[in-house]
């Protein structure tokens, strides 16, 4: 839209927005397009309105992968797609307007920020069908909530209501029924008010510093900061402050 916000909607309501080859292909195409869009400010990922955000992989489609090699190839392909989504240069906000099961939870965890409606829940149900996370969700869950929580949630396969997800760090906020997308858009518009170069530098820091020792992470931070110091947007922000007006950022 005019503010540089893109909404991506999983749109298979007849099968609870389950993932198949077409959804994977389209998601790959869209993330590739967005990665090179310099006007992009934020992305909001949601599901077609219903009781599910995403029910995970389409089981009928998954049955077409008859060998371990075929299953691994599918797994690695979706890992790459979700890594590309996670590595977009702007914040990616997931608006969970329904439950997320199995692979649906892995998609949600690949986003930077999550918003859950009160009736939404997460469930890592992989082990109930003789599998485990394969799209990067297990490692992301471990990093978000720690070993004890991750082990319990992955092995019990129980439902995680929105309130508990908030307590253990799996969602940023919980909103009333039907307000998920609106809250996701509100957050995206707040992001869009900030200097575009600053937001992209912060996202880059979050990605590059995540697994680095503190000293290395600090070096990355200082280097990115230096690149912003003499930017036109920083100059504009200072002028706007003294002139008591809102800054007009150009992304330069």
C-alpha atoms as a PDB file:
ATOM      1  CA  UNK A   1       0.000   0.000   0.000  1.00  0.00           C
ATOM      2  CA  UNK A   2       0.985   3.673   0.050  1.00  0.00           C
ATOM      3  CA  UNK A   3       2.821   3.207   3.350  1.00  0.00           C
ATOM      4  CA  UNK A   4       4.988   0.407   1.999  1.00  0.00           C
ATOM      5  CA  UNK A   5       3.165  -2.325   3.909  1.00  0.00           C
ATOM      6  CA  UNK A   6       2.499  -5.672   2.217  1.00  0.00           C
ATOM      7  CA  UNK A   7      -0.119  -8.158   3.433  1.00  0.00           C
ATOM      8  CA  UNK A   8       0.474 -11.799   2.506  1.00  0.00           C
ATOM      9  CA  UNK A   9      -2.559 -14.018   3.049  1.00  0.00           C
ATOM     10  CA  UNK A  10      -2.577 -17.824   3.121  1.00  0.00           C
ATOM     11  CA  UNK A  11      -5.688 -18.503   1.066  1.00  0.00           C
ATOM     12  CA  UNK A  12      -6.924 -22.107   1.146  1.00  0.00           C
ATOM     13  CA  UNK A  13      -9.907 -21.732   3.481  1.00  0.00           C
ATOM     14  CA  UNK A  14     -11.484 -24.985   2.295  1.00  0.00           C
ATOM     15  CA  UNK A  15      -8.562 -26.894   3.837  1.00  0.00           C
ATOM     16  CA  UNK A  16      -7.710 -24.552   6.737  1.00  0.00           C
ATOM     17  CA  UNK A  17      -4.935 -22.796   4.784  1.00  0.00           C
ATOM     18  CA  UNK A  18      -2.830 -25.966   4.739  1.00  0.00           C
ATOM     19  CA  UNK A  19       0.456 -25.803   2.845  1.00  0.00           C
ATOM     20  CA  UNK A  20       0.981 -27.555  -0.469  1.00  0.00           C
ATOM     21  CA  UNK A  21       3.315 -27.168  -3.424  1.00  0.00           C
ATOM     22  CA  UNK A  22       1.426 -24.171  -4.839  1.00  0.00           C
ATOM     23  CA  UNK A  23       1.507 -22.256  -1.548  1.00  0.00           C
ATOM     24  CA  UNK A  24       5.244 -22.992  -1.231  1.00  0.00           C
ATOM     25  CA  UNK A  25       5.856 -21.766  -4.776  1.00  0.00           C
ATOM     26  CA  UNK A  26       3.831 -18.596  -4.316  1.00  0.00           C
ATOM     27  CA  UNK A  27       5.434 -17.826  -0.953  1.00  0.00           C
ATOM     28  CA  UNK A  28       8.875 -18.267  -2.511  1.00  0.00           C
ATOM     29  CA  UNK A  29       7.955 -15.938  -5.381  1.00  0.00           C
ATOM     30  CA  UNK A  30       6.529 -13.282  -3.095  1.00  0.00           C
ATOM     31  CA  UNK A  31       9.476 -13.273  -0.698  1.00  0.00           C
ATOM     32  CA  UNK A  32      11.880 -12.981  -3.628  1.00  0.00           C
ATOM     33  CA  UNK A  33       9.895 -10.035  -4.988  1.00  0.00           C
ATOM     34  CA  UNK A  34       9.682  -8.318  -1.617  1.00  0.00           C
ATOM     35  CA  UNK A  35      13.381  -8.774  -0.901  1.00  0.00           C
ATOM     36  CA  UNK A  36      14.244  -6.390  -3.738  1.00  0.00           C
ATOM     37  CA  UNK A  37      11.453  -3.862  -3.101  1.00  0.00           C
ATOM     38  CA  UNK A  38      13.136  -0.723  -1.783  1.00  0.00           C
ATOM     39  CA  UNK A  39       9.786   0.859  -0.929  1.00  0.00           C
ATOM     40  CA  UNK A  40       8.881  -1.985   1.437  1.00  0.00           C
ATOM     41  CA  UNK A  41       8.481  -0.963   5.086  1.00  0.00           C
ATOM     42  CA  UNK A  42       6.850  -4.002   6.727  1.00  0.00           C
ATOM     43  CA  UNK A  43       5.143  -7.297   5.906  1.00  0.00           C
ATOM     44  CA  UNK A  44       2.043  -8.725   7.596  1.00  0.00           C
ATOM     45  CA  UNK A  45       1.405 -12.453   7.156  1.00  0.00           C
ATOM     46  CA  UNK A  46      -2.052 -13.791   7.984  1.00  0.00           C
ATOM     47  CA  UNK A  47      -4.586 -16.418   6.941  1.00  0.00           C
ATOM     48  CA  UNK A  48      -7.927 -16.179   5.196  1.00  0.00           C
ATOM     49  CA  UNK A  49     -10.531 -15.470   7.866  1.00  0.00           C
ATOM     50  CA  UNK A  50     -11.752 -18.660   9.523  1.00  0.00           C
ATOM     51  CA  UNK A  51     -10.906 -20.799  12.535  1.00  0.00           C
ATOM     52  CA  UNK A  52      -7.374 -21.578  11.316  1.00  0.00           C
ATOM     53  CA  UNK A  53      -4.344 -19.453  10.565  1.00  0.00           C
ATOM     54  CA  UNK A  54      -2.655 -22.517   9.086  1.00  0.00           C
ATOM     55  CA  UNK A  55      -3.255 -26.216   9.738  1.00  0.00           C
ATOM     56  CA  UNK A  56       0.282 -27.119   8.653  1.00  0.00           C
ATOM     57  CA  UNK A  57       1.243 -29.268   5.704  1.00  0.00           C
ATOM     58  CA  UNK A  58      -1.560 -30.671   3.556  1.00  0.00           C
ATOM     59  CA  UNK A  59      -1.441 -34.359   4.566  1.00  0.00           C
ATOM     60  CA  UNK A  60      -2.742 -35.574   1.211  1.00  0.00           C
ATOM     61  CA  UNK A  61       0.026 -33.654  -0.543  1.00  0.00           C
ATOM     62  CA  UNK A  62       2.660 -34.802   1.940  1.00  0.00           C
ATOM     63  CA  UNK A  63       1.782 -38.421   1.180  1.00  0.00           C
ATOM     64  CA  UNK A  64       3.117 -37.890  -2.349  1.00  0.00           C
ATOM     65  CA  UNK A  65       6.667 -37.869  -0.959  1.00  0.00           C
ATOM     66  CA  UNK A  66       7.194 -41.614  -0.730  1.00  0.00           C
ATOM     67  CA  UNK A  67      10.895 -41.820   0.164  1.00  0.00           C
ATOM     68  CA  UNK A  68      13.093 -40.366   2.896  1.00  0.00           C
ATOM     69  CA  UNK A  69      15.033 -38.508   0.211  1.00  0.00           C
ATOM     70  CA  UNK A  70      11.888 -36.926  -1.196  1.00  0.00           C
ATOM     71  CA  UNK A  71      10.725 -35.918   2.279  1.00  0.00           C
ATOM     72  CA  UNK A  72      14.084 -34.377   3.088  1.00  0.00           C
ATOM     73  CA  UNK A  73      14.105 -32.423  -0.183  1.00  0.00           C
ATOM     74  CA  UNK A  74      10.652 -31.013   0.623  1.00  0.00           C
ATOM     75  CA  UNK A  75      11.829 -30.133   4.128  1.00  0.00           C
ATOM     76  CA  UNK A  76      14.912 -28.310   2.922  1.00  0.00           C
ATOM     77  CA  UNK A  77      12.926 -26.439   0.284  1.00  0.00           C
ATOM     78  CA  UNK A  78      10.487 -25.083   2.878  1.00  0.00           C
ATOM     79  CA  UNK A  79      13.374 -24.284   5.233  1.00  0.00           C
ATOM     80  CA  UNK A  80      14.876 -22.116   2.494  1.00  0.00           C
ATOM     81  CA  UNK A  81      11.550 -20.389   1.834  1.00  0.00           C
ATOM     82  CA  UNK A  82      10.985 -19.597   5.505  1.00  0.00           C
ATOM     83  CA  UNK A  83      14.596 -18.478   5.885  1.00  0.00           C
ATOM     84  CA  UNK A  84      14.026 -16.056   3.005  1.00  0.00           C
ATOM     85  CA  UNK A  85      10.852 -14.825   4.718  1.00  0.00           C
ATOM     86  CA  UNK A  86      12.688 -14.415   8.033  1.00  0.00           C
ATOM     87  CA  UNK A  87      15.572 -12.621   6.321  1.00  0.00           C
ATOM     88  CA  UNK A  88      13.462 -10.009   4.548  1.00  0.00           C
ATOM     89  CA  UNK A  89      15.081  -6.627   5.246  1.00  0.00           C
ATOM     90  CA  UNK A  90      12.047  -5.307   7.144  1.00  0.00           C
ATOM     91  CA  UNK A  91       9.985  -6.613  10.086  1.00  0.00           C
ATOM     92  CA  UNK A  92       7.631  -9.488   9.285  1.00  0.00           C
ATOM     93  CA  UNK A  93       4.534  -9.534  11.497  1.00  0.00           C
ATOM     94  CA  UNK A  94       2.394 -12.656  11.811  1.00  0.00           C
ATOM     95  CA  UNK A  95      -1.281 -12.012  12.585  1.00  0.00           C
ATOM     96  CA  UNK A  96      -2.639 -15.308  13.893  1.00  0.00           C
ATOM     97  CA  UNK A  97      -6.377 -15.015  13.354  1.00  0.00           C
ATOM     98  CA  UNK A  98      -6.894 -18.680  14.210  1.00  0.00           C
ATOM     99  CA  UNK A  99      -5.036 -21.770  15.330  1.00  0.00           C
ATOM    100  CA  UNK A 100      -1.667 -22.904  13.952  1.00  0.00           C
ATOM    101  CA  UNK A 101      -0.886 -26.607  13.845  1.00  0.00           C
ATOM    102  CA  UNK A 102       2.353 -28.420  12.998  1.00  0.00           C
ATOM    103  CA  UNK A 103       3.974 -26.666  10.069  1.00  0.00           C
ATOM    104  CA  UNK A 104       1.668 -23.711  10.642  1.00  0.00           C
ATOM    105  CA  UNK A 105       3.463 -23.043  13.912  1.00  0.00           C
ATOM    106  CA  UNK A 106       6.781 -23.186  12.076  1.00  0.00           C
ATOM    107  CA  UNK A 107       5.595 -20.539   9.629  1.00  0.00           C
ATOM    108  CA  UNK A 108       4.466 -18.313  12.502  1.00  0.00           C
ATOM    109  CA  UNK A 109       7.790 -18.672  14.326  1.00  0.00           C
ATOM    110  CA  UNK A 110       9.727 -17.619  11.219  1.00  0.00           C
ATOM    111  CA  UNK A 111       8.213 -14.132  11.571  1.00  0.00           C
ATOM    112  CA  UNK A 112       9.789 -11.372  13.684  1.00  0.00           C
ATOM    113  CA  UNK A 113       6.650 -10.410  15.605  1.00  0.00           C
ATOM    114  CA  UNK A 114       3.496 -12.378  16.379  1.00  0.00           C
ATOM    115  CA  UNK A 115      -0.007 -11.162  17.232  1.00  0.00           C
ATOM    116  CA  UNK A 116      -2.554 -13.739  18.435  1.00  0.00           C
ATOM    117  CA  UNK A 117      -6.283 -13.401  18.764  1.00  0.00           C
ATOM    118  CA  UNK A 118      -7.712 -14.594  22.095  1.00  0.00           C
ATOM    119  CA  UNK A 119      -9.174 -17.782  20.619  1.00  0.00           C
ATOM    120  CA  UNK A 120      -6.040 -18.670  18.650  1.00  0.00           C
ATOM    121  CA  UNK A 121      -3.638 -21.347  19.813  1.00  0.00           C
ATOM    122  CA  UNK A 122      -0.445 -23.073  18.727  1.00  0.00           C
ATOM    123  CA  UNK A 123       0.160 -26.816  18.657  1.00  0.00           C
ATOM    124  CA  UNK A 124       3.343 -28.612  17.635  1.00  0.00           C
ATOM    125  CA  UNK A 125       1.565 -31.830  16.637  1.00  0.00           C
ATOM    126  CA  UNK A 126       4.328 -33.333  14.529  1.00  0.00           C
ATOM    127  CA  UNK A 127       5.121 -36.205  16.928  1.00  0.00           C
ATOM    128  CA  UNK A 128       1.469 -37.323  16.942  1.00  0.00           C
ATOM    129  CA  UNK A 129       1.855 -38.301  13.287  1.00  0.00           C
ATOM    130  CA  UNK A 130       5.288 -39.853  13.749  1.00  0.00           C
ATOM    131  CA  UNK A 131       7.294 -36.847  12.634  1.00  0.00           C
ATOM    132  CA  UNK A 132       9.064 -33.803  14.084  1.00  0.00           C
ATOM    133  CA  UNK A 133       9.480 -30.175  12.986  1.00  0.00           C
ATOM    134  CA  UNK A 134      11.300 -30.005   9.666  1.00  0.00           C
ATOM    135  CA  UNK A 135      10.847 -26.437   8.450  1.00  0.00           C
ATOM    136  CA  UNK A 136      13.129 -24.825  11.047  1.00  0.00           C
ATOM    137  CA  UNK A 137      10.461 -24.508  13.728  1.00  0.00           C
ATOM    138  CA  UNK A 138      12.134 -26.722  16.315  1.00  0.00           C
ATOM    139  CA  UNK A 139      15.316 -24.653  16.392  1.00  0.00           C
ATOM    140  CA  UNK A 140      13.343 -21.407  16.419  1.00  0.00           C
ATOM    141  CA  UNK A 141      11.167 -22.636  19.288  1.00  0.00           C
ATOM    142  CA  UNK A 142      14.279 -23.542  21.301  1.00  0.00           C
ATOM    143  CA  UNK A 143      15.696 -20.045  20.817  1.00  0.00           C
ATOM    144  CA  UNK A 144      12.437 -18.323  21.680  1.00  0.00           C
ATOM    145  CA  UNK A 145      11.429 -20.131  24.855  1.00  0.00           C
ATOM    146  CA  UNK A 146      14.366 -22.288  25.987  1.00  0.00           C
ATOM    147  CA  UNK A 147      15.056 -26.010  26.334  1.00  0.00           C
ATOM    148  CA  UNK A 148      12.484 -26.971  28.981  1.00  0.00           C
ATOM    149  CA  UNK A 149       9.504 -25.311  27.320  1.00  0.00           C
ATOM    150  CA  UNK A 150      10.543 -26.449  23.838  1.00  0.00           C
ATOM    151  CA  UNK A 151      11.014 -30.070  24.908  1.00  0.00           C
ATOM    152  CA  UNK A 152       7.639 -30.165  26.631  1.00  0.00           C
ATOM    153  CA  UNK A 153       5.728 -28.527  23.792  1.00  0.00           C
ATOM    154  CA  UNK A 154       7.323 -30.651  21.072  1.00  0.00           C
ATOM    155  CA  UNK A 155       6.817 -33.975  22.872  1.00  0.00           C
ATOM    156  CA  UNK A 156       3.400 -33.497  24.493  1.00  0.00           C
ATOM    157  CA  UNK A 157       1.963 -31.892  21.344  1.00  0.00           C
ATOM    158  CA  UNK A 158      -0.532 -30.046  23.525  1.00  0.00           C
ATOM    159  CA  UNK A 159      -2.398 -26.883  22.589  1.00  0.00           C
ATOM    160  CA  UNK A 160      -0.786 -23.610  23.686  1.00  0.00           C
ATOM    161  CA  UNK A 161      -3.479 -20.957  24.238  1.00  0.00           C
ATOM    162  CA  UNK A 162      -2.747 -17.342  23.407  1.00  0.00           C
ATOM    163  CA  UNK A 163      -2.319 -16.287  27.039  1.00  0.00           C
ATOM    164  CA  UNK A 164       0.333 -18.931  27.693  1.00  0.00           C
ATOM    165  CA  UNK A 165       2.055 -18.147  24.399  1.00  0.00           C
ATOM    166  CA  UNK A 166       2.371 -14.565  25.639  1.00  0.00           C
ATOM    167  CA  UNK A 167       3.828 -15.690  28.970  1.00  0.00           C
ATOM    168  CA  UNK A 168       6.579 -17.834  27.422  1.00  0.00           C
ATOM    169  CA  UNK A 169       7.521 -15.433  24.639  1.00  0.00           C
ATOM    170  CA  UNK A 170       5.870 -17.043  21.624  1.00  0.00           C
ATOM    171  CA  UNK A 171       3.688 -14.029  20.880  1.00  0.00           C
ATOM    172  CA  UNK A 172       4.115 -10.302  21.393  1.00  0.00           C
ATOM    173  CA  UNK A 173       0.505  -9.508  22.174  1.00  0.00           C
ATOM    174  CA  UNK A 174      -2.985 -10.995  22.448  1.00  0.00           C
ATOM    175  CA  UNK A 175      -5.976  -9.148  21.026  1.00  0.00           C
ATOM    176  CA  UNK A 176      -9.752  -9.717  20.959  1.00  0.00           C
ATOM    177  CA  UNK A 177     -11.376 -12.073  18.481  1.00  0.00           C
ATOM    178  CA  UNK A 178     -11.338 -10.601  14.980  1.00  0.00           C
ATOM    179  CA  UNK A 179      -8.734  -7.922  15.769  1.00  0.00           C
ATOM    180  CA  UNK A 180      -5.566  -9.793  14.752  1.00  0.00           C
ATOM    181  CA  UNK A 181      -5.066  -8.303  11.318  1.00  0.00           C
ATOM    182  CA  UNK A 182      -5.970  -4.808  12.499  1.00  0.00           C
ATOM    183  CA  UNK A 183      -3.373  -5.048  15.268  1.00  0.00           C
ATOM    184  CA  UNK A 184      -0.807  -6.418  12.839  1.00  0.00           C
ATOM    185  CA  UNK A 185      -1.457  -3.472  10.545  1.00  0.00           C
ATOM    186  CA  UNK A 186      -1.268  -1.028  13.456  1.00  0.00           C
ATOM    187  CA  UNK A 187       2.186  -2.347  14.336  1.00  0.00           C
ATOM    188  CA  UNK A 188       3.234  -2.237  10.680  1.00  0.00           C
ATOM    189  CA  UNK A 189       2.157   1.416  10.408  1.00  0.00           C
ATOM    190  CA  UNK A 190       4.173   2.241  13.528  1.00  0.00           C
ATOM    191  CA  UNK A 191       7.190   0.620  11.875  1.00  0.00           C
ATOM    192  CA  UNK A 192       6.503   2.609   8.702  1.00  0.00           C
ATOM    193  CA  UNK A 193       6.780   5.867  10.681  1.00  0.00           C
ATOM    194  CA  UNK A 194      10.430   5.174  11.503  1.00  0.00           C
ATOM    195  CA  UNK A 195      13.334   5.989   9.201  1.00  0.00           C
ATOM    196  CA  UNK A 196      13.453   3.213   6.566  1.00  0.00           C
ATOM    197  CA  UNK A 197      17.251   2.898   6.636  1.00  0.00           C
ATOM    198  CA  UNK A 198      17.184   2.618  10.418  1.00  0.00           C
ATOM    199  CA  UNK A 199      14.559  -0.149  10.366  1.00  0.00           C
ATOM    200  CA  UNK A 200      16.530  -2.104   7.781  1.00  0.00           C
ATOM    201  CA  UNK A 201      19.766  -1.672   9.739  1.00  0.00           C
ATOM    202  CA  UNK A 202      18.049  -2.882  12.921  1.00  0.00           C
ATOM    203  CA  UNK A 203      16.668  -5.937  11.102  1.00  0.00           C
ATOM    204  CA  UNK A 204      20.147  -6.660   9.754  1.00  0.00           C
ATOM    205  CA  UNK A 205      21.566  -6.411  13.272  1.00  0.00           C
ATOM    206  CA  UNK A 206      18.945  -8.805  14.641  1.00  0.00           C
ATOM    207  CA  UNK A 207      19.848 -11.363  11.977  1.00  0.00           C
ATOM    208  CA  UNK A 208      23.635 -11.051  12.047  1.00  0.00           C
ATOM    209  CA  UNK A 209      24.117 -10.649  15.809  1.00  0.00           C
ATOM    210  CA  UNK A 210      21.798 -13.461  16.899  1.00  0.00           C
ATOM    211  CA  UNK A 211      24.484 -16.147  17.214  1.00  0.00           C
ATOM    212  CA  UNK A 212      27.537 -13.924  17.696  1.00  0.00           C
ATOM    213  CA  UNK A 213      29.478 -13.336  20.926  1.00  0.00           C
ATOM    214  CA  UNK A 214      28.686  -9.968  22.497  1.00  0.00           C
ATOM    215  CA  UNK A 215      31.918  -8.293  21.333  1.00  0.00           C
ATOM    216  CA  UNK A 216      31.347  -9.332  17.707  1.00  0.00           C
ATOM    217  CA  UNK A 217      27.711  -8.278  17.885  1.00  0.00           C
ATOM    218  CA  UNK A 218      28.749  -4.882  19.234  1.00  0.00           C
ATOM    219  CA  UNK A 219      31.133  -4.429  16.299  1.00  0.00           C
ATOM    220  CA  UNK A 220      28.312  -5.167  13.864  1.00  0.00           C
ATOM    221  CA  UNK A 221      26.126  -2.667  15.698  1.00  0.00           C
ATOM    222  CA  UNK A 222      28.756   0.088  15.566  1.00  0.00           C
ATOM    223  CA  UNK A 223      29.329  -0.458  11.845  1.00  0.00           C
ATOM    224  CA  UNK A 224      25.629  -0.272  11.036  1.00  0.00           C
ATOM    225  CA  UNK A 225      25.261   2.820  13.233  1.00  0.00           C
ATOM    226  CA  UNK A 226      28.086   4.554  11.357  1.00  0.00           C
ATOM    227  CA  UNK A 227      26.281   3.981   8.084  1.00  0.00           C
ATOM    228  CA  UNK A 228      23.234   5.821   9.418  1.00  0.00           C
ATOM    229  CA  UNK A 229      25.051   8.730  11.055  1.00  0.00           C
ATOM    230  CA  UNK A 230      25.522  10.822   7.930  1.00  0.00           C
ATOM    231  CA  UNK A 231      22.331   9.700   6.188  1.00  0.00           C
ATOM    232  CA  UNK A 232      19.879  12.247   4.831  1.00  0.00           C
ATOM    233  CA  UNK A 233      17.153  10.734   7.006  1.00  0.00           C
ATOM    234  CA  UNK A 234      19.163  11.360  10.180  1.00  0.00           C
ATOM    235  CA  UNK A 235      19.736  14.981   9.124  1.00  0.00           C
ATOM    236  CA  UNK A 236      16.024  15.357   8.389  1.00  0.00           C
ATOM    237  CA  UNK A 237      15.067  13.934  11.781  1.00  0.00           C
ATOM    238  CA  UNK A 238      17.322  16.432  13.587  1.00  0.00           C
ATOM    239  CA  UNK A 239      15.944  19.346  11.572  1.00  0.00           C
ATOM    240  CA  UNK A 240      12.377  18.204  12.207  1.00  0.00           C
ATOM    241  CA  UNK A 241      13.061  18.018  15.935  1.00  0.00           C
ATOM    242  CA  UNK A 242      14.245  21.606  16.133  1.00  0.00           C
ATOM    243  CA  UNK A 243      11.497  22.798  13.821  1.00  0.00           C
ATOM    244  CA  UNK A 244       8.883  20.970  15.916  1.00  0.00           C
ATOM    245  CA  UNK A 245       7.392  18.993  13.041  1.00  0.00           C
ATOM    246  CA  UNK A 246       7.160  15.376  11.902  1.00  0.00           C
ATOM    247  CA  UNK A 247      10.161  14.218   9.813  1.00  0.00           C
ATOM    248  CA  UNK A 248       9.724  13.309   6.156  1.00  0.00           C
ATOM    249  CA  UNK A 249      11.953  10.319   5.570  1.00  0.00           C
ATOM    250  CA  UNK A 250      13.184   9.463   2.075  1.00  0.00           C
ATOM    251  CA  UNK A 251      15.087   6.256   2.762  1.00  0.00           C
ATOM    252  CA  UNK A 252      18.412   7.926   1.959  1.00  0.00           C
END
